[in-house]
Amino acid sequence: MGESFDVTKCMSFTLNEQFMEKFVDPGNHNSGIDLLRTYLWRCQFLLPFVSLGLMCFGAVIGLCACICRSLYPTIATGILHLLA
């Protein structure tokens, strides 16, 4: 009945800390930089803004498609929303 529980602690990061390098062994700066984790961490922070920009740009083009009643802006709106 001797169960052990891992205790985790939630921390908030500043903007500068979001873009710091991640290490193979967290907390050990001598373990080397883990490039995959570093770039995945940066992408999860930046890609939502890229997606939001694509959605807004697609909405503007969609509005123009309604105004000019053309098929090509409607296709462009669909492609932008698919990319987002």
C-alpha atoms as a PDB file:
ATOM      1  CA  MET A   1       0.000   0.000   0.000  1.00  0.00           C
ATOM      2  CA  GLY A   2       3.035   2.233  -0.290  1.00  0.00           C
ATOM      3  CA  GLU A   3       1.968   4.213  -3.342  1.00  0.00           C
ATOM      4  CA  SER A   4       4.192   7.049  -4.446  1.00  0.00           C
ATOM      5  CA  PHE A   5       2.824  10.101  -6.167  1.00  0.00           C
ATOM      6  CA  ASP A   6       4.730  12.362  -8.505  1.00  0.00           C
ATOM      7  CA  VAL A   7       4.281  15.965  -7.524  1.00  0.00           C
ATOM      8  CA  THR A   8       4.285  18.484 -10.352  1.00  0.00           C
ATOM      9  CA  LYS A   9       4.379  22.221 -10.083  1.00  0.00           C
ATOM     10  CA  CYS A  10       2.719  24.599 -12.540  1.00  0.00           C
ATOM     11  CA  MET A  11       4.799  27.554 -13.649  1.00  0.00           C
ATOM     12  CA  SER A  12       4.059  30.471 -15.902  1.00  0.00           C
ATOM     13  CA  PHE A  13       6.642  31.513 -18.480  1.00  0.00           C
ATOM     14  CA  THR A  14       7.466  34.996 -19.675  1.00  0.00           C
ATOM     15  CA  LEU A  15       7.645  35.727 -23.396  1.00  0.00           C
ATOM     16  CA  ASN A  16      11.458  35.490 -23.367  1.00  0.00           C
ATOM     17  CA  GLU A  17      11.334  32.128 -21.598  1.00  0.00           C
ATOM     18  CA  GLN A  18       8.984  30.783 -24.286  1.00  0.00           C
ATOM     19  CA  PHE A  19      11.756  31.087 -26.871  1.00  0.00           C
ATOM     20  CA  MET A  20      14.673  29.787 -24.790  1.00  0.00           C
ATOM     21  CA  GLU A  21      16.408  26.584 -25.860  1.00  0.00           C
ATOM     22  CA  LYS A  22      15.092  23.352 -24.379  1.00  0.00           C
ATOM     23  CA  PHE A  23      17.662  20.868 -23.106  1.00  0.00           C
ATOM     24  CA  VAL A  24      17.804  17.073 -23.378  1.00  0.00           C
ATOM     25  CA  ASP A  25      17.729  16.782 -19.583  1.00  0.00           C
ATOM     26  CA  PRO A  26      15.468  19.605 -18.311  1.00  0.00           C
ATOM     27  CA  GLY A  27      17.281  21.746 -15.788  1.00  0.00           C
ATOM     28  CA  ASN A  28      20.735  20.498 -16.806  1.00  0.00           C
ATOM     29  CA  HIS A  29      22.331  23.074 -19.109  1.00  0.00           C
ATOM     30  CA  ASN A  30      25.269  20.748 -19.829  1.00  0.00           C
ATOM     31  CA  SER A  31      23.110  18.017 -21.403  1.00  0.00           C
ATOM     32  CA  GLY A  32      22.913  19.658 -24.843  1.00  0.00           C
ATOM     33  CA  ILE A  33      20.154  21.424 -26.714  1.00  0.00           C
ATOM     34  CA  ASP A  34      17.184  19.337 -27.849  1.00  0.00           C
ATOM     35  CA  LEU A  35      16.458  20.991 -31.207  1.00  0.00           C
ATOM     36  CA  LEU A  36      13.230  19.091 -31.900  1.00  0.00           C
ATOM     37  CA  ARG A  37      11.631  20.119 -28.601  1.00  0.00           C
ATOM     38  CA  THR A  38      12.927  23.680 -28.988  1.00  0.00           C
ATOM     39  CA  TYR A  39      11.398  24.221 -32.425  1.00  0.00           C
ATOM     40  CA  LEU A  40       8.149  22.377 -31.646  1.00  0.00           C
ATOM     41  CA  TRP A  41       7.734  24.602 -28.566  1.00  0.00           C
ATOM     42  CA  ARG A  42       8.281  27.724 -30.669  1.00  0.00           C
ATOM     43  CA  CYS A  43       5.859  26.518 -33.356  1.00  0.00           C
ATOM     44  CA  GLN A  44       3.061  25.855 -30.865  1.00  0.00           C
ATOM     45  CA  PHE A  45       3.404  29.460 -29.778  1.00  0.00           C
ATOM     46  CA  LEU A  46       3.619  31.079 -33.241  1.00  0.00           C
ATOM     47  CA  LEU A  47       1.375  28.969 -35.483  1.00  0.00           C
ATOM     48  CA  PRO A  48      -1.940  29.993 -33.858  1.00  0.00           C
ATOM     49  CA  PHE A  49      -1.156  33.602 -34.821  1.00  0.00           C
ATOM     50  CA  VAL A  50      -0.385  32.548 -38.405  1.00  0.00           C
ATOM     51  CA  SER A  51      -3.662  30.615 -38.502  1.00  0.00           C
ATOM     52  CA  LEU A  52      -5.585  33.598 -37.161  1.00  0.00           C
ATOM     53  CA  GLY A  53      -4.046  35.827 -39.824  1.00  0.00           C
ATOM     54  CA  LEU A  54      -4.993  33.385 -42.586  1.00  0.00           C
ATOM     55  CA  MET A  55      -8.561  33.188 -41.285  1.00  0.00           C
ATOM     56  CA  CYS A  56      -8.913  36.981 -41.184  1.00  0.00           C
ATOM     57  CA  PHE A  57      -7.424  37.354 -44.663  1.00  0.00           C
ATOM     58  CA  GLY A  58      -9.791  34.636 -45.918  1.00  0.00           C
ATOM     59  CA  ALA A  59     -12.747  36.450 -44.357  1.00  0.00           C
ATOM     60  CA  VAL A  60     -11.823  39.686 -46.154  1.00  0.00           C
ATOM     61  CA  ILE A  61     -11.518  37.837 -49.467  1.00  0.00           C
ATOM     62  CA  GLY A  62     -14.832  36.090 -48.735  1.00  0.00           C
ATOM     63  CA  LEU A  63     -16.483  39.445 -48.190  1.00  0.00           C
ATOM     64  CA  CYS A  64     -15.082  40.647 -51.512  1.00  0.00           C
ATOM     65  CA  ALA A  65     -16.387  37.447 -53.145  1.00  0.00           C
ATOM     66  CA  CYS A  66     -19.885  38.243 -51.896  1.00  0.00           C
ATOM     67  CA  ILE A  67     -19.669  41.786 -53.184  1.00  0.00           C
ATOM     68  CA  CYS A  68     -18.393  40.960 -56.685  1.00  0.00           C
ATOM     69  CA  ARG A  69     -20.295  37.648 -56.984  1.00  0.00           C
ATOM     70  CA  SER A  70     -17.332  35.824 -58.463  1.00  0.00           C
ATOM     71  CA  LEU A  71     -16.260  32.213 -58.053  1.00  0.00           C
ATOM     72  CA  TYR A  72     -12.477  32.731 -57.917  1.00  0.00           C
ATOM     73  CA  PRO A  73     -12.389  34.724 -54.644  1.00  0.00           C
ATOM     74  CA  THR A  74     -14.680  32.093 -53.138  1.00  0.00           C
ATOM     75  CA  ILE A  75     -12.187  29.373 -54.079  1.00  0.00           C
ATOM     76  CA  ALA A  76      -9.363  31.479 -52.605  1.00  0.00           C
ATOM     77  CA  THR A  77     -11.350  31.852 -49.389  1.00  0.00           C
ATOM     78  CA  GLY A  78     -11.785  28.080 -49.174  1.00  0.00           C
ATOM     79  CA  ILE A  79      -8.074  27.483 -49.771  1.00  0.00           C
ATOM     80  CA  LEU A  80      -7.076  30.018 -47.098  1.00  0.00           C
ATOM     81  CA  HIS A  81      -9.461  28.493 -44.561  1.00  0.00           C
ATOM     82  CA  LEU A  82      -8.118  25.045 -45.395  1.00  0.00           C
ATOM     83  CA  LEU A  83      -4.543  26.241 -44.852  1.00  0.00           C
ATOM     84  CA  ALA A  84      -5.487  27.867 -41.567  1.00  0.00           C
END
